[in-house]
Amino acid sequence: MSHSETEIMLKGYGLTTAELLYRMPDHSQILQSFIWQHYDLAPKFPELKAFLDFWERNLEGPLHSVRFVHRKLIRPNEWARVDGEIVLH
């Protein structure tokens, strides 16, 4: 079943971007960078964890480090209290 991006965001998913640094299989002193981006649920990040598990099981380049950011794209509006009103002409 396929869902539109809006449906996914309404279910609480946000955009997660991760930078993975990994060692080259034949040259362990060299680090390569890989960028991964997917909709995911904070704070457990099941999609990112599944991707990292896949990487560890199936790819030869061992991970050095992972940095990631997450942003909910649909969230409640921010309201500010207004104590007065200014009327111009």
PDB file of N, CA and C in Angstrom:
ATOM      1  N   MET A   1       0.846  -1.174   0.000  1.00  0.00           N
ATOM      2  CA  MET A   1       0.000   0.000   0.000  1.00  0.00           C
ATOM      3  C   MET A   1       0.891   1.236   0.000  1.00  0.00           C
ATOM      4  N   SER A   2       0.611   2.142  -0.876  1.00  0.00           N
ATOM      5  CA  SER A   2       1.408   3.353  -1.005  1.00  0.00           C
ATOM      6  C   SER A   2       0.652   4.541  -0.400  1.00  0.00           C
ATOM      7  N   HIS A   3       1.372   5.352   0.349  1.00  0.00           N
ATOM      8  CA  HIS A   3       0.785   6.535   0.961  1.00  0.00           C
ATOM      9  C   HIS A   3       1.435   7.776   0.374  1.00  0.00           C
ATOM     10  N   SER A   4       0.653   8.840   0.281  1.00  0.00           N
ATOM     11  CA  SER A   4       1.232  10.097  -0.193  1.00  0.00           C
ATOM     12  C   SER A   4       2.100  10.685   0.912  1.00  0.00           C
ATOM     13  N   GLU A   5       2.979  11.601   0.536  1.00  0.00           N
ATOM     14  CA  GLU A   5       3.855  12.243   1.524  1.00  0.00           C
ATOM     15  C   GLU A   5       3.041  12.965   2.588  1.00  0.00           C
ATOM     16  N   THR A   6       1.945  13.602   2.192  1.00  0.00           N
ATOM     17  CA  THR A   6       1.115  14.329   3.154  1.00  0.00           C
ATOM     18  C   THR A   6       0.510  13.367   4.170  1.00  0.00           C
ATOM     19  N   GLU A   7       0.011  12.216   3.717  1.00  0.00           N
ATOM     20  CA  GLU A   7      -0.550  11.223   4.640  1.00  0.00           C
ATOM     21  C   GLU A   7       0.504  10.748   5.636  1.00  0.00           C
ATOM     22  N   ILE A   8       1.705  10.529   5.147  1.00  0.00           N
ATOM     23  CA  ILE A   8       2.789  10.082   6.018  1.00  0.00           C
ATOM     24  C   ILE A   8       3.101  11.143   7.071  1.00  0.00           C
ATOM     25  N   MET A   9       3.177  12.403   6.650  1.00  0.00           N
ATOM     26  CA  MET A   9       3.498  13.481   7.593  1.00  0.00           C
ATOM     27  C   MET A   9       2.384  13.663   8.614  1.00  0.00           C
ATOM     28  N   LEU A  10       1.120  13.476   8.205  1.00  0.00           N
ATOM     29  CA  LEU A  10       0.005  13.599   9.146  1.00  0.00           C
ATOM     30  C   LEU A  10       0.024  12.487  10.192  1.00  0.00           C
ATOM     31  N   LYS A  11       0.677  11.383   9.900  1.00  0.00           N
ATOM     32  CA  LYS A  11       0.807  10.285  10.862  1.00  0.00           C
ATOM     33  C   LYS A  11       1.955  10.521  11.842  1.00  0.00           C
ATOM     34  N   GLY A  12       2.634  11.663  11.744  1.00  0.00           N
ATOM     35  CA  GLY A  12       3.689  12.001  12.692  1.00  0.00           C
ATOM     36  C   GLY A  12       5.103  11.808  12.181  1.00  0.00           C
ATOM     37  N   TYR A  13       5.248  11.360  10.958  1.00  0.00           N
ATOM     38  CA  TYR A  13       6.585  11.165  10.409  1.00  0.00           C
ATOM     39  C   TYR A  13       7.217  12.511  10.068  1.00  0.00           C
ATOM     40  N   GLY A  14       8.515  12.567  10.178  1.00  0.00           N
ATOM     41  CA  GLY A  14       9.273  13.740   9.781  1.00  0.00           C
ATOM     42  C   GLY A  14      10.426  13.306   8.895  1.00  0.00           C
ATOM     43  N   LEU A  15      11.095  14.269   8.299  1.00  0.00           N
ATOM     44  CA  LEU A  15      12.204  13.966   7.400  1.00  0.00           C
ATOM     45  C   LEU A  15      13.497  13.800   8.209  1.00  0.00           C
ATOM     46  N   THR A  16      14.114  12.653   8.055  1.00  0.00           N
ATOM     47  CA  THR A  16      15.376  12.352   8.732  1.00  0.00           C
ATOM     48  C   THR A  16      16.483  12.286   7.681  1.00  0.00           C
ATOM     49  N   THR A  17      17.561  13.001   7.937  1.00  0.00           N
ATOM     50  CA  THR A  17      18.729  12.984   7.063  1.00  0.00           C
ATOM     51  C   THR A  17      19.923  12.523   7.888  1.00  0.00           C
ATOM     52  N   ALA A  18      20.634  11.527   7.380  1.00  0.00           N
ATOM     53  CA  ALA A  18      21.787  10.990   8.104  1.00  0.00           C
ATOM     54  C   ALA A  18      23.021  11.016   7.212  1.00  0.00           C
ATOM     55  N   GLU A  19      24.147  11.373   7.809  1.00  0.00           N
ATOM     56  CA  GLU A  19      25.440  11.278   7.130  1.00  0.00           C
ATOM     57  C   GLU A  19      26.194  10.126   7.772  1.00  0.00           C
ATOM     58  N   LEU A  20      26.521   9.142   6.977  1.00  0.00           N
ATOM     59  CA  LEU A  20      27.264   7.989   7.454  1.00  0.00           C
ATOM     60  C   LEU A  20      28.702   8.089   6.962  1.00  0.00           C
ATOM     61  N   LEU A  21      29.644   7.984   7.869  1.00  0.00           N
ATOM     62  CA  LEU A  21      31.052   7.883   7.501  1.00  0.00           C
ATOM     63  C   LEU A  21      31.441   6.418   7.667  1.00  0.00           C
ATOM     64  N   TYR A  22      32.035   5.863   6.626  1.00  0.00           N
ATOM     65  CA  TYR A  22      32.410   4.459   6.683  1.00  0.00           C
ATOM     66  C   TYR A  22      33.801   4.279   6.100  1.00  0.00           C
ATOM     67  N   ARG A  23      34.427   3.193   6.499  1.00  0.00           N
ATOM     68  CA  ARG A  23      35.784   2.898   6.030  1.00  0.00           C
ATOM     69  C   ARG A  23      35.720   2.100   4.733  1.00  0.00           C
ATOM     70  N   MET A  24      36.609   2.422   3.824  1.00  0.00           N
ATOM     71  CA  MET A  24      36.707   1.691   2.563  1.00  0.00           C
ATOM     72  C   MET A  24      37.132   0.250   2.876  1.00  0.00           C
ATOM     73  N   PRO A  25      36.493  -0.741   2.261  1.00  0.00           N
ATOM     74  CA  PRO A  25      36.832  -2.141   2.578  1.00  0.00           C
ATOM     75  C   PRO A  25      38.304  -2.483   2.347  1.00  0.00           C
ATOM     76  N   ASP A  26      38.900  -2.005   1.261  1.00  0.00           N
ATOM     77  CA  ASP A  26      40.289  -2.352   0.949  1.00  0.00           C
ATOM     78  C   ASP A  26      41.307  -1.352   1.491  1.00  0.00           C
ATOM     79  N   HIS A  27      40.834  -0.191   1.945  1.00  0.00           N
ATOM     80  CA  HIS A  27      41.730   0.856   2.449  1.00  0.00           C
ATOM     81  C   HIS A  27      41.105   1.427   3.729  1.00  0.00           C
ATOM     82  N   SER A  28      41.282   0.763   4.829  1.00  0.00           N
ATOM     83  CA  SER A  28      40.586   1.107   6.080  1.00  0.00           C
ATOM     84  C   SER A  28      40.965   2.477   6.638  1.00  0.00           C
ATOM     85  N   GLN A  29      42.045   3.071   6.160  1.00  0.00           N
ATOM     86  CA  GLN A  29      42.437   4.395   6.646  1.00  0.00           C
ATOM     87  C   GLN A  29      41.656   5.509   5.934  1.00  0.00           C
ATOM     88  N   ILE A  30      40.917   5.177   4.867  1.00  0.00           N
ATOM     89  CA  ILE A  30      40.149   6.177   4.110  1.00  0.00           C
ATOM     90  C   ILE A  30      38.682   6.117   4.518  1.00  0.00           C
ATOM     91  N   LEU A  31      38.113   7.308   4.835  1.00  0.00           N
ATOM     92  CA  LEU A  31      36.695   7.406   5.165  1.00  0.00           C
ATOM     93  C   LEU A  31      35.922   7.941   3.969  1.00  0.00           C
ATOM     94  N   GLN A  32      34.784   7.350   3.714  1.00  0.00           N
ATOM     95  CA  GLN A  32      33.861   7.804   2.678  1.00  0.00           C
ATOM     96  C   GLN A  32      32.600   8.306   3.376  1.00  0.00           C
ATOM     97  N   SER A  33      31.866   9.161   2.691  1.00  0.00           N
ATOM     98  CA  SER A  33      30.627   9.710   3.231  1.00  0.00           C
ATOM     99  C   SER A  33      29.444   9.239   2.387  1.00  0.00           C
ATOM    100  N   PHE A  34      28.341   8.920   3.044  1.00  0.00           N
ATOM    101  CA  PHE A  34      27.115   8.523   2.372  1.00  0.00           C
ATOM    102  C   PHE A  34      25.963   9.269   3.038  1.00  0.00           C
ATOM    103  N   ILE A  35      25.093   9.878   2.245  1.00  0.00           N
ATOM    104  CA  ILE A  35      23.942  10.612   2.774  1.00  0.00           C
ATOM    105  C   ILE A  35      22.682   9.782   2.548  1.00  0.00           C
ATOM    106  N   TRP A  36      21.894   9.609   3.603  1.00  0.00           N
ATOM    107  CA  TRP A  36      20.642   8.854   3.557  1.00  0.00           C
ATOM    108  C   TRP A  36      19.524   9.774   4.023  1.00  0.00           C
ATOM    109  N   GLN A  37      18.370   9.724   3.338  1.00  0.00           N
ATOM    110  CA  GLN A  37      17.251  10.583   3.715  1.00  0.00           C
ATOM    111  C   GLN A  37      15.954   9.792   3.546  1.00  0.00           C
ATOM    112  N   HIS A  38      15.092   9.852   4.585  1.00  0.00           N
ATOM    113  CA  HIS A  38      13.855   9.090   4.549  1.00  0.00           C
ATOM    114  C   HIS A  38      12.898   9.669   5.587  1.00  0.00           C
ATOM    115  N   TYR A  39      11.609   9.420   5.420  1.00  0.00           N
ATOM    116  CA  TYR A  39      10.644   9.795   6.460  1.00  0.00           C
ATOM    117  C   TYR A  39      10.743   8.791   7.589  1.00  0.00           C
ATOM    118  N   ASP A  40      10.758   9.303   8.833  1.00  0.00           N
ATOM    119  CA  ASP A  40      10.942   8.432   9.991  1.00  0.00           C
ATOM    120  C   ASP A  40      10.200   8.999  11.190  1.00  0.00           C
ATOM    121  N   LEU A  41      10.018   8.170  12.210  1.00  0.00           N
ATOM    122  CA  LEU A  41       9.327   8.564  13.434  1.00  0.00           C
ATOM    123  C   LEU A  41      10.331   8.789  14.559  1.00  0.00           C
ATOM    124  N   ALA A  42      10.364  10.003  15.098  1.00  0.00           N
ATOM    125  CA  ALA A  42      11.207  10.279  16.266  1.00  0.00           C
ATOM    126  C   ALA A  42      10.411   9.886  17.502  1.00  0.00           C
ATOM    127  N   PRO A  43      11.007   9.483  18.576  1.00  0.00           N
ATOM    128  CA  PRO A  43      12.439   9.415  18.866  1.00  0.00           C
ATOM    129  C   PRO A  43      13.054   8.040  18.629  1.00  0.00           C
ATOM    130  N   LYS A  44      12.269   7.051  18.183  1.00  0.00           N
ATOM    131  CA  LYS A  44      12.821   5.696  18.032  1.00  0.00           C
ATOM    132  C   LYS A  44      13.504   5.454  16.696  1.00  0.00           C
ATOM    133  N   PHE A  45      13.158   6.203  15.663  1.00  0.00           N
ATOM    134  CA  PHE A  45      13.778   6.128  14.340  1.00  0.00           C
ATOM    135  C   PHE A  45      13.859   4.695  13.795  1.00  0.00           C
ATOM    136  N   PRO A  46      12.718   4.027  13.616  1.00  0.00           N
ATOM    137  CA  PRO A  46      12.754   2.642  13.123  1.00  0.00           C
ATOM    138  C   PRO A  46      13.310   2.510  11.704  1.00  0.00           C
ATOM    139  N   GLU A  47      13.068   3.476  10.836  1.00  0.00           N
ATOM    140  CA  GLU A  47      13.574   3.397   9.460  1.00  0.00           C
ATOM    141  C   GLU A  47      15.098   3.519   9.434  1.00  0.00           C
ATOM    142  N   LEU A  48      15.636   4.465  10.199  1.00  0.00           N
ATOM    143  CA  LEU A  48      17.096   4.634  10.258  1.00  0.00           C
ATOM    144  C   LEU A  48      17.754   3.404  10.857  1.00  0.00           C
ATOM    145  N   LYS A  49      17.173   2.877  11.934  1.00  0.00           N
ATOM    146  CA  LYS A  49      17.744   1.678  12.557  1.00  0.00           C
ATOM    147  C   LYS A  49      17.718   0.498  11.598  1.00  0.00           C
ATOM    148  N   ALA A  50      16.621   0.353  10.841  1.00  0.00           N
ATOM    149  CA  ALA A  50      16.533  -0.744   9.871  1.00  0.00           C
ATOM    150  C   ALA A  50      17.593  -0.580   8.783  1.00  0.00           C
ATOM    151  N   PHE A  51      17.812   0.658   8.333  1.00  0.00           N
ATOM    152  CA  PHE A  51      18.834   0.892   7.314  1.00  0.00           C
ATOM    153  C   PHE A  51      20.230   0.582   7.857  1.00  0.00           C
ATOM    154  N   LEU A  52      20.521   1.003   9.084  1.00  0.00           N
ATOM    155  CA  LEU A  52      21.834   0.726   9.673  1.00  0.00           C
ATOM    156  C   LEU A  52      22.035  -0.773   9.880  1.00  0.00           C
ATOM    157  N   ASP A  53      20.974  -1.496  10.274  1.00  0.00           N
ATOM    158  CA  ASP A  53      21.071  -2.956  10.396  1.00  0.00           C
ATOM    159  C   ASP A  53      21.369  -3.592   9.036  1.00  0.00           C
ATOM    160  N   PHE A  54      20.678  -3.109   7.993  1.00  0.00           N
ATOM    161  CA  PHE A  54      20.929  -3.602   6.641  1.00  0.00           C
ATOM    162  C   PHE A  54      22.392  -3.361   6.250  1.00  0.00           C
ATOM    163  N   TRP A  55      22.884  -2.164   6.546  1.00  0.00           N
ATOM    164  CA  TRP A  55      24.275  -1.813   6.208  1.00  0.00           C
ATOM    165  C   TRP A  55      25.236  -2.792   6.890  1.00  0.00           C
ATOM    166  N   GLU A  56      25.045  -2.995   8.175  1.00  0.00           N
ATOM    167  CA  GLU A  56      25.951  -3.866   8.941  1.00  0.00           C
ATOM    168  C   GLU A  56      25.909  -5.308   8.427  1.00  0.00           C
ATOM    169  N   ARG A  57      24.741  -5.787   8.027  1.00  0.00           N
ATOM    170  CA  ARG A  57      24.597  -7.170   7.566  1.00  0.00           C
ATOM    171  C   ARG A  57      25.108  -7.388   6.147  1.00  0.00           C
ATOM    172  N   ASN A  58      24.932  -6.401   5.250  1.00  0.00           N
ATOM    173  CA  ASN A  58      25.120  -6.644   3.821  1.00  0.00           C
ATOM    174  C   ASN A  58      26.261  -5.900   3.142  1.00  0.00           C
ATOM    175  N   LEU A  59      26.790  -4.879   3.747  1.00  0.00           N
ATOM    176  CA  LEU A  59      27.837  -4.092   3.088  1.00  0.00           C
ATOM    177  C   LEU A  59      29.176  -4.305   3.770  1.00  0.00           C
ATOM    178  N   GLU A  60      30.239  -4.225   2.990  1.00  0.00           N
ATOM    179  CA  GLU A  60      31.577  -4.504   3.510  1.00  0.00           C
ATOM    180  C   GLU A  60      32.219  -3.323   4.221  1.00  0.00           C
ATOM    181  N   GLY A  61      31.830  -2.106   3.901  1.00  0.00           N
ATOM    182  CA  GLY A  61      32.459  -0.939   4.513  1.00  0.00           C
ATOM    183  C   GLY A  61      31.962  -0.720   5.933  1.00  0.00           C
ATOM    184  N   PRO A  62      32.801  -0.981   6.948  1.00  0.00           N
ATOM    185  CA  PRO A  62      32.359  -0.807   8.330  1.00  0.00           C
ATOM    186  C   PRO A  62      32.087   0.667   8.657  1.00  0.00           C
ATOM    187  N   LEU A  63      31.026   0.887   9.412  1.00  0.00           N
ATOM    188  CA  LEU A  63      30.651   2.253   9.790  1.00  0.00           C
ATOM    189  C   LEU A  63      31.652   2.835  10.777  1.00  0.00           C
ATOM    190  N   HIS A  64      31.989   4.084  10.559  1.00  0.00           N
ATOM    191  CA  HIS A  64      32.842   4.827  11.483  1.00  0.00           C
ATOM    192  C   HIS A  64      31.966   5.666  12.410  1.00  0.00           C
ATOM    193  N   SER A  65      31.019   6.412  11.832  1.00  0.00           N
ATOM    194  CA  SER A  65      30.134   7.258  12.626  1.00  0.00           C
ATOM    195  C   SER A  65      28.886   7.597  11.820  1.00  0.00           C
ATOM    196  N   VAL A  66      27.838   7.998  12.553  1.00  0.00           N
ATOM    197  CA  VAL A  66      26.572   8.403  11.941  1.00  0.00           C
ATOM    198  C   VAL A  66      26.119   9.679  12.624  1.00  0.00           C
ATOM    199  N   ARG A  67      25.822  10.696  11.816  1.00  0.00           N
ATOM    200  CA  ARG A  67      25.235  11.946  12.329  1.00  0.00           C
ATOM    201  C   ARG A  67      23.893  12.106  11.632  1.00  0.00           C
ATOM    202  N   PHE A  68      22.881  12.553  12.397  1.00  0.00           N
ATOM    203  CA  PHE A  68      21.586  12.715  11.754  1.00  0.00           C
ATOM    204  C   PHE A  68      20.823  13.886  12.345  1.00  0.00           C
ATOM    205  N   VAL A  69      19.891  14.399  11.547  1.00  0.00           N
ATOM    206  CA  VAL A  69      18.968  15.450  11.977  1.00  0.00           C
ATOM    207  C   VAL A  69      17.562  14.994  11.592  1.00  0.00           C
ATOM    208  N   HIS A  70      16.585  15.498  12.324  1.00  0.00           N
ATOM    209  CA  HIS A  70      15.196  15.130  12.079  1.00  0.00           C
ATOM    210  C   HIS A  70      14.341  16.383  12.184  1.00  0.00           C
ATOM    211  N   ARG A  71      13.386  16.498  11.283  1.00  0.00           N
ATOM    212  CA  ARG A  71      12.508  17.675  11.283  1.00  0.00           C
ATOM    213  C   ARG A  71      11.086  17.226  10.974  1.00  0.00           C
ATOM    214  N   LYS A  72      10.184  17.503  11.913  1.00  0.00           N
ATOM    215  CA  LYS A  72       8.765  17.262  11.626  1.00  0.00           C
ATOM    216  C   LYS A  72       8.298  18.357  10.688  1.00  0.00           C
ATOM    217  N   LEU A  73       7.692  17.971   9.597  1.00  0.00           N
ATOM    218  CA  LEU A  73       7.316  18.946   8.592  1.00  0.00           C
ATOM    219  C   LEU A  73       5.929  19.520   8.836  1.00  0.00           C
ATOM    220  N   ILE A  74       5.077  18.772   9.526  1.00  0.00           N
ATOM    221  CA  ILE A  74       3.758  19.277   9.905  1.00  0.00           C
ATOM    222  C   ILE A  74       3.712  19.273  11.418  1.00  0.00           C
ATOM    223  N   ARG A  75       3.470  20.431  11.997  1.00  0.00           N
ATOM    224  CA  ARG A  75       3.417  20.542  13.458  1.00  0.00           C
ATOM    225  C   ARG A  75       2.426  21.632  13.815  1.00  0.00           C
ATOM    226  N   PRO A  76       2.011  21.688  15.075  1.00  0.00           N
ATOM    227  CA  PRO A  76       1.046  22.715  15.472  1.00  0.00           C
ATOM    228  C   PRO A  76       1.602  24.114  15.234  1.00  0.00           C
ATOM    229  N   ASN A  77       0.705  25.015  14.900  1.00  0.00           N
ATOM    230  CA  ASN A  77       1.124  26.413  14.739  1.00  0.00           C
ATOM    231  C   ASN A  77       1.572  26.978  16.067  1.00  0.00           C
ATOM    232  N   GLU A  78       2.454  27.942  15.993  1.00  0.00           N
ATOM    233  CA  GLU A  78       2.903  28.617  17.199  1.00  0.00           C
ATOM    234  C   GLU A  78       2.040  29.853  17.394  1.00  0.00           C
ATOM    235  N   TRP A  79       1.439  29.962  18.555  1.00  0.00           N
ATOM    236  CA  TRP A  79       0.558  31.071  18.869  1.00  0.00           C
ATOM    237  C   TRP A  79       1.267  32.017  19.820  1.00  0.00           C
ATOM    238  N   ALA A  80       1.010  33.287  19.658  1.00  0.00           N
ATOM    239  CA  ALA A  80       1.561  34.302  20.549  1.00  0.00           C
ATOM    240  C   ALA A  80       0.411  35.122  21.120  1.00  0.00           C
ATOM    241  N   ARG A  81       0.484  35.389  22.390  1.00  0.00           N
ATOM    242  CA  ARG A  81      -0.535  36.201  23.041  1.00  0.00           C
ATOM    243  C   ARG A  81      -0.344  37.660  22.630  1.00  0.00           C
ATOM    244  N   VAL A  82      -1.447  38.319  22.312  1.00  0.00           N
ATOM    245  CA  VAL A  82      -1.413  39.726  21.931  1.00  0.00           C
ATOM    246  C   VAL A  82      -2.146  40.512  23.010  1.00  0.00           C
ATOM    247  N   ASP A  83      -1.460  41.504  23.580  1.00  0.00           N
ATOM    248  CA  ASP A  83      -2.048  42.304  24.655  1.00  0.00           C
ATOM    249  C   ASP A  83      -2.712  43.579  24.156  1.00  0.00           C
ATOM    250  N   GLY A  84      -2.531  43.909  22.918  1.00  0.00           N
ATOM    251  CA  GLY A  84      -3.103  45.164  22.436  1.00  0.00           C
ATOM    252  C   GLY A  84      -3.323  45.115  20.944  1.00  0.00           C
ATOM    253  N   GLU A  85      -3.900  46.187  20.432  1.00  0.00           N
ATOM    254  CA  GLU A  85      -4.168  46.275  19.002  1.00  0.00           C
ATOM    255  C   GLU A  85      -3.888  47.706  18.557  1.00  0.00           C
ATOM    256  N   ILE A  86      -3.252  47.822  17.430  1.00  0.00           N
ATOM    257  CA  ILE A  86      -2.967  49.144  16.874  1.00  0.00           C
ATOM    258  C   ILE A  86      -3.777  49.287  15.597  1.00  0.00           C
ATOM    259  N   VAL A  87      -4.573  50.336  15.511  1.00  0.00           N
ATOM    260  CA  VAL A  87      -5.397  50.573  14.332  1.00  0.00           C
ATOM    261  C   VAL A  87      -4.818  51.761  13.580  1.00  0.00           C
ATOM    262  N   LEU A  88      -4.551  51.568  12.302  1.00  0.00           N
ATOM    263  CA  LEU A  88      -4.067  52.643  11.464  1.00  0.00           C
ATOM    264  C   LEU A  88      -5.177  53.005  10.464  1.00  0.00           C
ATOM    265  N   HIS A  89      -5.562  54.245  10.450  1.00  0.00           N
ATOM    266  CA  HIS A  89      -6.569  54.805   9.535  1.00  0.00           C
ATOM    267  C   HIS A  89      -7.508  53.777   9.029  1.00  0.00           C
TER     268      HIS A  89
END
